[in-house]
N, C-alpha and C. Protein backbone atom coordinates (compact mmCIF):
# COMPACT_ATOMS: atom_id res chain seq x y z
N MET A 1 191.67 119.46 142.81
CA MET A 1 191.87 119.24 144.22
C MET A 1 190.73 119.86 144.99
N THR A 2 190.23 119.18 146.00
CA THR A 2 189.14 119.73 146.79
C THR A 2 189.70 120.52 147.94
N THR A 3 188.90 121.42 148.44
CA THR A 3 189.34 122.23 149.56
C THR A 3 188.62 121.80 150.81
N ASN A 4 189.25 122.01 151.93
CA ASN A 4 188.69 121.60 153.21
C ASN A 4 187.90 122.76 153.80
N PRO A 5 186.56 122.61 153.92
CA PRO A 5 185.80 123.64 154.61
C PRO A 5 186.18 123.63 156.08
N THR A 6 185.54 124.47 156.86
CA THR A 6 185.92 124.57 158.26
C THR A 6 185.76 123.28 159.02
N GLY A 7 185.03 122.32 158.48
CA GLY A 7 184.90 121.01 159.11
C GLY A 7 183.53 120.42 158.94
N PRO A 8 183.37 119.16 159.33
CA PRO A 8 182.09 118.48 159.17
C PRO A 8 180.95 119.15 159.93
N SER A 9 181.25 119.85 161.04
CA SER A 9 180.17 120.49 161.79
C SER A 9 179.51 121.58 160.95
N GLN A 10 180.27 122.22 160.08
CA GLN A 10 179.69 123.23 159.19
C GLN A 10 178.69 122.58 158.24
N LEU A 11 178.97 121.37 157.80
CA LEU A 11 178.08 120.64 156.92
C LEU A 11 176.73 120.44 157.59
N THR A 12 176.72 120.03 158.84
CA THR A 12 175.47 119.78 159.55
C THR A 12 174.67 121.06 159.69
N THR A 13 175.34 122.15 160.02
CA THR A 13 174.65 123.41 160.21
C THR A 13 174.10 123.97 158.91
N SER A 14 174.92 123.99 157.87
CA SER A 14 174.52 124.66 156.64
C SER A 14 173.53 123.86 155.81
N THR A 15 173.35 122.57 156.08
CA THR A 15 172.42 121.78 155.29
C THR A 15 171.24 121.28 156.11
N SER A 16 170.96 121.92 157.24
CA SER A 16 169.89 121.44 158.10
C SER A 16 168.53 121.47 157.40
N HIS A 17 168.36 122.37 156.44
CA HIS A 17 167.10 122.44 155.71
C HIS A 17 166.92 121.24 154.78
N LEU A 18 167.97 120.43 154.58
CA LEU A 18 167.90 119.25 153.72
C LEU A 18 167.70 117.97 154.52
N ALA A 19 167.44 118.08 155.80
CA ALA A 19 167.40 116.90 156.68
C ALA A 19 166.57 115.74 156.16
N PRO A 20 165.37 115.94 155.58
CA PRO A 20 164.61 114.78 155.14
C PRO A 20 165.29 113.99 154.02
N ALA A 21 166.12 114.63 153.21
CA ALA A 21 166.75 113.94 152.09
C ALA A 21 168.11 113.35 152.44
N VAL A 22 168.64 113.66 153.61
CA VAL A 22 169.97 113.23 153.99
C VAL A 22 169.88 112.15 155.06
N GLU A 23 170.64 111.09 154.88
CA GLU A 23 170.75 110.09 155.93
C GLU A 23 172.11 110.28 156.58
N ARG A 24 172.11 110.65 157.83
CA ARG A 24 173.37 110.81 158.56
C ARG A 24 173.55 109.58 159.44
N ARG A 25 174.54 108.76 159.10
CA ARG A 25 174.83 107.57 159.86
C ARG A 25 176.31 107.50 160.12
N ASP A 26 176.67 106.88 161.20
CA ASP A 26 178.08 106.71 161.52
C ASP A 26 178.60 105.36 161.05
N ASP A 27 177.82 104.64 160.27
CA ASP A 27 178.22 103.30 159.85
C ASP A 27 178.95 103.29 158.51
N GLY A 28 179.46 104.42 158.07
CA GLY A 28 180.18 104.47 156.81
C GLY A 28 179.27 104.55 155.60
N THR A 29 178.12 105.20 155.75
CA THR A 29 177.18 105.35 154.64
C THR A 29 176.75 106.80 154.52
N PHE A 30 176.79 107.31 153.31
CA PHE A 30 176.26 108.64 153.02
C PHE A 30 175.37 108.51 151.80
N GLU A 31 174.12 108.95 151.92
CA GLU A 31 173.18 108.90 150.80
C GLU A 31 172.42 110.21 150.74
N MET A 32 172.18 110.66 149.50
CA MET A 32 171.43 111.90 149.34
C MET A 32 170.95 112.02 147.90
N ARG A 33 169.81 112.65 147.71
CA ARG A 33 169.32 112.97 146.38
C ARG A 33 169.75 114.39 146.04
N PHE A 34 170.07 114.61 144.77
CA PHE A 34 170.51 115.91 144.29
C PHE A 34 169.73 116.27 143.04
N THR A 35 169.57 117.57 142.81
CA THR A 35 168.93 117.99 141.57
C THR A 35 169.81 117.58 140.41
N SER A 36 169.20 117.20 139.32
CA SER A 36 169.93 116.74 138.16
C SER A 36 170.41 117.93 137.34
N THR A 37 171.31 118.70 137.95
CA THR A 37 171.88 119.90 137.35
C THR A 37 173.38 119.92 137.63
N PRO A 38 174.13 120.73 136.91
CA PRO A 38 175.56 120.86 137.24
C PRO A 38 175.78 121.29 138.70
N ARG A 39 174.91 122.13 139.21
CA ARG A 39 175.03 122.56 140.60
C ARG A 39 174.83 121.37 141.55
N GLY A 40 173.89 120.48 141.24
CA GLY A 40 173.68 119.29 142.05
C GLY A 40 174.90 118.38 142.03
N ALA A 41 175.51 118.22 140.87
CA ALA A 41 176.72 117.39 140.75
C ALA A 41 177.88 118.00 141.55
N ARG A 42 178.01 119.32 141.50
CA ARG A 42 179.06 120.00 142.28
C ARG A 42 178.85 119.80 143.77
N LEU A 43 177.60 119.95 144.22
CA LEU A 43 177.29 119.78 145.63
C LEU A 43 177.55 118.33 146.07
N ALA A 44 177.21 117.37 145.24
CA ALA A 44 177.47 115.97 145.56
C ALA A 44 178.97 115.73 145.76
N ARG A 45 179.76 116.30 144.89
CA ARG A 45 181.22 116.16 144.99
C ARG A 45 181.74 116.79 146.29
N ARG A 46 181.27 117.98 146.60
CA ARG A 46 181.74 118.69 147.81
C ARG A 46 181.34 117.96 149.09
N LEU A 47 180.09 117.50 149.15
CA LEU A 47 179.64 116.81 150.36
C LEU A 47 180.33 115.47 150.53
N THR A 48 180.63 114.81 149.42
CA THR A 48 181.39 113.56 149.50
C THR A 48 182.79 113.83 150.05
N ALA A 49 183.42 114.90 149.60
CA ALA A 49 184.75 115.25 150.09
C ALA A 49 184.75 115.47 151.60
N VAL A 50 183.74 116.17 152.10
CA VAL A 50 183.63 116.40 153.54
C VAL A 50 183.44 115.08 154.28
N ARG A 51 182.56 114.24 153.75
CA ARG A 51 182.27 112.96 154.41
C ARG A 51 183.50 112.06 154.43
N LEU A 52 184.24 111.98 153.33
CA LEU A 52 185.45 111.15 153.30
C LEU A 52 186.45 111.59 154.36
N ASP A 53 186.62 112.90 154.49
CA ASP A 53 187.54 113.42 155.50
C ASP A 53 187.06 113.03 156.90
N ALA A 54 185.77 113.13 157.14
CA ALA A 54 185.22 112.75 158.45
C ALA A 54 185.41 111.26 158.72
N TRP A 55 185.43 110.44 157.68
CA TRP A 55 185.62 109.00 157.82
C TRP A 55 187.10 108.61 157.97
N GLY A 56 188.00 109.57 157.90
CA GLY A 56 189.41 109.26 158.06
C GLY A 56 190.16 109.08 156.76
N ILE A 57 189.57 109.52 155.67
CA ILE A 57 190.26 109.54 154.38
C ILE A 57 190.52 111.02 154.11
N PRO A 58 191.65 111.54 154.60
CA PRO A 58 191.85 112.98 154.66
C PRO A 58 192.04 113.67 153.31
N TYR A 59 191.69 114.96 153.32
CA TYR A 59 191.95 115.82 152.17
C TYR A 59 193.42 115.72 151.79
N ALA A 60 193.69 115.94 150.52
CA ALA A 60 195.05 116.00 149.97
C ALA A 60 195.74 114.64 149.93
N THR A 61 195.00 113.55 150.18
CA THR A 61 195.58 112.22 149.98
C THR A 61 195.13 111.73 148.61
N GLU A 62 195.92 110.83 148.06
CA GLU A 62 195.59 110.30 146.73
C GLU A 62 194.23 109.61 146.73
N ALA A 63 193.95 108.84 147.77
CA ALA A 63 192.67 108.13 147.85
C ALA A 63 191.51 109.12 147.87
N HIS A 64 191.61 110.15 148.67
CA HIS A 64 190.55 111.16 148.76
C HIS A 64 190.31 111.81 147.41
N GLU A 65 191.37 112.25 146.78
CA GLU A 65 191.24 112.94 145.48
C GLU A 65 190.66 112.03 144.41
N GLU A 66 191.08 110.76 144.39
CA GLU A 66 190.59 109.85 143.35
C GLU A 66 189.13 109.46 143.58
N ILE A 67 188.73 109.26 144.81
CA ILE A 67 187.32 108.95 145.09
C ILE A 67 186.44 110.14 144.72
N VAL A 68 186.86 111.33 145.08
CA VAL A 68 186.10 112.53 144.74
C VAL A 68 186.01 112.68 143.22
N LEU A 69 187.07 112.35 142.50
CA LEU A 69 187.05 112.41 141.04
C LEU A 69 186.07 111.38 140.46
N ILE A 70 186.01 110.20 141.03
CA ILE A 70 185.03 109.21 140.59
C ILE A 70 183.62 109.74 140.80
N VAL A 71 183.36 110.32 141.97
CA VAL A 71 182.04 110.91 142.25
C VAL A 71 181.74 112.00 141.24
N ALA A 72 182.71 112.85 140.96
CA ALA A 72 182.51 113.95 140.00
C ALA A 72 182.13 113.41 138.62
N GLU A 73 182.84 112.40 138.16
CA GLU A 73 182.55 111.85 136.82
C GLU A 73 181.19 111.17 136.76
N LEU A 74 180.87 110.35 137.78
CA LEU A 74 179.59 109.64 137.75
C LEU A 74 178.41 110.58 137.90
N THR A 75 178.54 111.60 138.74
CA THR A 75 177.43 112.55 138.90
C THR A 75 177.29 113.44 137.67
N ALA A 76 178.41 113.82 137.06
CA ALA A 76 178.33 114.60 135.81
C ALA A 76 177.65 113.79 134.72
N ASN A 77 177.94 112.50 134.64
CA ASN A 77 177.27 111.64 133.66
C ASN A 77 175.78 111.53 133.95
N ALA A 78 175.41 111.45 135.23
CA ALA A 78 173.99 111.37 135.59
C ALA A 78 173.26 112.64 135.15
N VAL A 79 173.92 113.78 135.28
CA VAL A 79 173.32 115.05 134.86
C VAL A 79 173.27 115.15 133.34
N ARG A 80 174.34 114.79 132.69
CA ARG A 80 174.42 114.96 131.24
C ARG A 80 173.65 113.90 130.46
N HIS A 81 173.76 112.64 130.87
CA HIS A 81 173.18 111.55 130.10
C HIS A 81 171.95 110.91 130.75
N GLY A 82 171.75 111.14 132.04
CA GLY A 82 170.64 110.50 132.74
C GLY A 82 169.55 111.45 133.17
N HIS A 83 169.66 112.71 132.75
CA HIS A 83 168.70 113.73 133.17
C HIS A 83 167.31 113.49 132.59
N VAL A 84 166.33 113.51 133.47
CA VAL A 84 164.92 113.52 133.10
C VAL A 84 164.34 114.73 133.80
N PRO A 85 163.69 115.64 133.05
CA PRO A 85 163.16 116.85 133.69
C PRO A 85 162.31 116.53 134.91
N GLY A 86 162.57 117.24 136.00
CA GLY A 86 161.82 117.06 137.22
C GLY A 86 162.27 115.90 138.09
N ARG A 87 163.29 115.17 137.68
CA ARG A 87 163.78 114.02 138.46
C ARG A 87 165.18 114.29 138.97
N ASP A 88 165.46 113.82 140.16
CA ASP A 88 166.77 113.97 140.79
C ASP A 88 167.63 112.74 140.51
N PHE A 89 168.90 112.83 140.86
CA PHE A 89 169.74 111.64 140.88
C PHE A 89 170.08 111.34 142.34
N HIS A 90 170.41 110.11 142.62
CA HIS A 90 170.71 109.67 143.97
C HIS A 90 172.17 109.26 144.05
N LEU A 91 172.85 109.71 145.09
CA LEU A 91 174.24 109.35 145.33
C LEU A 91 174.32 108.54 146.61
N GLY A 92 175.04 107.45 146.56
CA GLY A 92 175.35 106.67 147.75
C GLY A 92 176.84 106.41 147.79
N VAL A 93 177.45 106.68 148.95
CA VAL A 93 178.87 106.42 149.16
C VAL A 93 178.95 105.56 150.41
N ARG A 94 179.61 104.41 150.30
CA ARG A 94 179.66 103.47 151.41
C ARG A 94 181.07 102.94 151.61
N THR A 95 181.41 102.78 152.86
CA THR A 95 182.64 102.09 153.23
C THR A 95 182.21 100.85 154.00
N PRO A 96 182.35 99.67 153.40
CA PRO A 96 181.95 98.44 154.09
C PRO A 96 182.71 98.27 155.41
N ALA A 97 182.22 97.39 156.25
CA ALA A 97 182.80 97.17 157.58
C ALA A 97 184.29 96.82 157.52
N ASP A 98 184.72 96.15 156.45
CA ASP A 98 186.14 95.78 156.37
C ASP A 98 187.04 96.99 156.14
N GLY A 99 186.48 98.12 155.70
CA GLY A 99 187.25 99.34 155.52
C GLY A 99 188.25 99.31 154.40
N ARG A 100 188.15 98.35 153.51
CA ARG A 100 189.15 98.22 152.44
C ARG A 100 188.72 98.87 151.14
N THR A 101 187.45 99.18 151.00
CA THR A 101 186.96 99.78 149.77
C THR A 101 185.99 100.91 150.08
N VAL A 102 185.81 101.75 149.09
CA VAL A 102 184.74 102.75 149.13
C VAL A 102 183.92 102.50 147.88
N ARG A 103 182.62 102.35 148.06
CA ARG A 103 181.71 102.09 146.93
C ARG A 103 180.90 103.34 146.67
N VAL A 104 180.90 103.77 145.42
CA VAL A 104 180.13 104.94 144.98
C VAL A 104 179.04 104.44 144.05
N GLU A 105 177.80 104.85 144.31
CA GLU A 105 176.68 104.49 143.44
C GLU A 105 175.92 105.76 143.07
N VAL A 106 175.64 105.91 141.78
CA VAL A 106 174.86 107.04 141.30
C VAL A 106 173.70 106.48 140.49
N THR A 107 172.49 106.83 140.90
CA THR A 107 171.28 106.33 140.26
C THR A 107 170.54 107.48 139.60
N ASP A 108 170.19 107.29 138.33
CA ASP A 108 169.36 108.28 137.63
C ASP A 108 168.10 107.58 137.14
N THR A 109 167.19 108.32 136.53
CA THR A 109 165.90 107.74 136.13
C THR A 109 165.75 107.59 134.62
N ARG A 110 166.82 107.69 133.89
CA ARG A 110 166.75 107.54 132.44
C ARG A 110 167.23 106.15 132.05
N ALA A 111 166.29 105.33 131.57
CA ALA A 111 166.59 103.93 131.30
C ALA A 111 167.16 103.68 129.91
N GLU A 112 166.88 104.55 128.95
CA GLU A 112 167.29 104.24 127.57
C GLU A 112 168.73 104.64 127.26
N ARG A 113 169.39 105.42 128.10
CA ARG A 113 170.78 105.81 127.86
C ARG A 113 171.67 105.04 128.81
N LEU A 114 172.23 103.95 128.33
CA LEU A 114 173.03 103.07 129.16
C LEU A 114 174.52 103.34 128.96
N PRO A 115 175.31 103.18 130.01
CA PRO A 115 176.76 103.40 129.88
C PRO A 115 177.40 102.34 128.99
N ARG A 116 178.37 102.78 128.23
CA ARG A 116 179.13 101.86 127.37
C ARG A 116 180.53 101.73 127.93
N ARG A 117 181.05 100.52 127.83
CA ARG A 117 182.43 100.29 128.28
C ARG A 117 183.37 101.07 127.38
N PRO A 118 184.28 101.83 127.98
CA PRO A 118 185.23 102.57 127.16
C PRO A 118 186.23 101.64 126.48
N SER A 119 186.73 102.08 125.36
CA SER A 119 187.76 101.33 124.66
C SER A 119 189.00 101.29 125.53
N PRO A 120 189.69 100.14 125.59
CA PRO A 120 190.90 100.06 126.41
C PRO A 120 192.01 100.98 125.91
N VAL A 121 191.97 101.32 124.63
CA VAL A 121 192.96 102.23 124.07
C VAL A 121 192.22 103.51 123.67
N PRO A 122 192.44 104.60 124.42
CA PRO A 122 191.73 105.83 124.09
C PRO A 122 192.17 106.40 122.75
N ASP A 123 191.25 107.06 122.10
CA ASP A 123 191.53 107.71 120.82
C ASP A 123 192.24 109.03 121.11
N THR A 124 193.57 109.01 121.03
CA THR A 124 194.34 110.21 121.34
C THR A 124 194.35 111.20 120.19
N ALA A 125 193.94 110.76 119.00
CA ALA A 125 193.92 111.66 117.86
C ALA A 125 192.66 112.53 117.86
N GLY A 126 191.63 112.11 118.60
CA GLY A 126 190.37 112.86 118.64
C GLY A 126 190.52 114.19 119.34
N THR A 127 189.68 115.11 118.97
CA THR A 127 189.72 116.43 119.58
C THR A 127 188.55 116.65 120.53
N GLU A 128 187.81 115.58 120.80
CA GLU A 128 186.67 115.69 121.70
C GLU A 128 187.13 116.06 123.11
N GLU A 129 186.38 116.97 123.74
CA GLU A 129 186.69 117.36 125.11
C GLU A 129 185.85 116.58 126.11
N THR A 130 184.93 115.76 125.64
CA THR A 130 184.09 114.98 126.53
C THR A 130 184.16 113.51 126.13
N GLY A 131 183.53 112.65 126.93
CA GLY A 131 183.45 111.25 126.58
C GLY A 131 184.52 110.38 127.20
N ARG A 132 185.30 110.93 128.11
CA ARG A 132 186.35 110.13 128.73
C ARG A 132 186.09 109.82 130.20
N GLY A 133 184.92 110.19 130.70
CA GLY A 133 184.60 110.02 132.11
C GLY A 133 184.66 108.58 132.58
N LEU A 134 184.00 107.68 131.85
CA LEU A 134 184.02 106.28 132.26
C LEU A 134 185.39 105.64 132.06
N LEU A 135 186.16 106.13 131.11
CA LEU A 135 187.53 105.65 130.96
C LEU A 135 188.33 106.01 132.20
N LEU A 136 188.16 107.23 132.67
CA LEU A 136 188.84 107.66 133.88
C LEU A 136 188.39 106.84 135.09
N VAL A 137 187.09 106.63 135.22
CA VAL A 137 186.56 105.82 136.31
C VAL A 137 187.13 104.41 136.24
N SER A 138 187.19 103.83 135.04
CA SER A 138 187.70 102.47 134.90
C SER A 138 189.18 102.37 135.29
N ARG A 139 189.92 103.45 135.12
CA ARG A 139 191.35 103.44 135.49
C ARG A 139 191.56 103.65 136.99
N LEU A 140 190.67 104.43 137.63
CA LEU A 140 190.83 104.73 139.05
C LEU A 140 190.22 103.66 139.95
N ALA A 141 189.09 103.11 139.55
CA ALA A 141 188.36 102.17 140.38
C ALA A 141 188.90 100.75 140.22
N ALA A 142 188.79 99.98 141.28
CA ALA A 142 189.17 98.57 141.21
C ALA A 142 188.22 97.84 140.27
N ARG A 143 186.95 98.23 140.29
CA ARG A 143 185.96 97.69 139.36
C ARG A 143 184.77 98.62 139.31
N TRP A 144 184.01 98.56 138.23
CA TRP A 144 182.80 99.36 138.09
C TRP A 144 181.86 98.64 137.15
N ASP A 145 180.60 99.00 137.22
CA ASP A 145 179.59 98.42 136.33
C ASP A 145 178.30 99.22 136.51
N TRP A 146 177.23 98.70 135.98
CA TRP A 146 175.92 99.32 136.15
C TRP A 146 174.88 98.22 136.22
N HIS A 147 173.72 98.56 136.74
CA HIS A 147 172.59 97.63 136.77
C HIS A 147 171.30 98.45 136.69
N PRO A 148 170.22 97.82 136.22
CA PRO A 148 168.95 98.55 136.16
C PRO A 148 168.51 98.97 137.57
N ARG A 149 167.85 100.09 137.64
CA ARG A 149 167.33 100.58 138.91
C ARG A 149 166.22 99.62 139.37
N PRO A 150 166.31 99.10 140.60
CA PRO A 150 165.35 98.08 141.03
C PRO A 150 163.95 98.61 141.32
N ASP A 151 163.83 99.88 141.66
CA ASP A 151 162.54 100.41 142.09
C ASP A 151 161.90 101.38 141.10
N GLY A 152 162.24 101.27 139.84
CA GLY A 152 161.64 102.14 138.84
C GLY A 152 162.51 102.22 137.61
N PRO A 153 162.16 103.12 136.69
CA PRO A 153 162.99 103.25 135.48
C PRO A 153 164.34 103.88 135.82
N GLY A 154 165.34 103.51 135.06
CA GLY A 154 166.65 104.11 135.25
C GLY A 154 167.72 103.07 135.49
N LYS A 155 168.86 103.55 135.98
CA LYS A 155 170.01 102.69 136.17
C LYS A 155 170.86 103.21 137.32
N THR A 156 171.67 102.33 137.85
CA THR A 156 172.66 102.69 138.86
C THR A 156 174.03 102.35 138.30
N VAL A 157 174.91 103.33 138.27
CA VAL A 157 176.30 103.11 137.87
C VAL A 157 177.10 103.14 139.17
N TRP A 158 177.94 102.13 139.37
CA TRP A 158 178.70 102.04 140.61
C TRP A 158 180.17 101.81 140.31
N ALA A 159 180.99 102.20 141.29
CA ALA A 159 182.43 101.98 141.21
C ALA A 159 182.94 101.67 142.61
N GLU A 160 183.89 100.77 142.69
CA GLU A 160 184.53 100.44 143.96
C GLU A 160 185.99 100.84 143.91
N TYR A 161 186.39 101.60 144.89
CA TYR A 161 187.76 102.08 145.00
C TYR A 161 188.46 101.31 146.12
N ALA A 162 189.58 100.68 145.81
CA ALA A 162 190.34 99.93 146.82
C ALA A 162 191.26 100.89 147.56
N LEU A 163 191.07 100.97 148.86
CA LEU A 163 191.89 101.87 149.68
C LEU A 163 193.25 101.25 149.97
N PRO A 164 194.31 102.04 149.85
CA PRO A 164 195.61 101.54 150.27
C PRO A 164 195.61 101.37 151.80
N GLU A 165 196.44 100.51 152.30
CA GLU A 165 196.49 100.23 153.74
C GLU A 165 196.63 101.50 154.58
N ARG A 166 197.44 102.44 154.16
CA ARG A 166 197.73 103.61 154.99
C ARG A 166 196.59 104.61 155.09
N THR A 167 195.57 104.51 154.23
CA THR A 167 194.48 105.48 154.30
C THR A 167 193.15 104.84 154.68
N MET A 168 193.18 103.64 155.24
CA MET A 168 191.93 103.01 155.65
C MET A 168 191.28 103.86 156.73
N PRO A 169 189.95 103.98 156.70
CA PRO A 169 189.25 104.85 157.65
C PRO A 169 189.48 104.42 159.10
N ARG A 170 189.40 105.42 159.98
CA ARG A 170 189.51 105.16 161.42
C ARG A 170 188.29 104.39 161.89
N GLU A 171 188.47 103.58 162.89
CA GLU A 171 187.35 102.83 163.49
C GLU A 171 186.62 103.69 164.47
């Protein structure tokens, strides 16, 4: 579960030194580059949580928690499987004008490690503690996939989350 910081205004103040890398728009788009480290993935998750709340998808709702979990899994995969020394990963979170979905995109610069579709039946006998991230994403998201990065080496993994009627963002 994510926690609610003092509010979105704290985000603006505490990250002002990151202004060139952050696009602040009121059109339902949040984009930022993060270091390809566990700390970068944690920060991506936290900033997404703040932004979702500001968009009217409040903390402690199922939609908020599930979208943040999708971000956590995709960014952790970018750090673990898409890491290239000296290269960042890019996070984009968008709510289209219809307000019915939230799209999460995570782009890394490693082209040779491509995501594999998880088995529809998880191996419950296995003792592995990792390797279930995309299975979780596939269960939470309405749909997900990946495509090659258009502007260089790497890939973008994306997921679309269908918002229930009661948690659609405020206009």
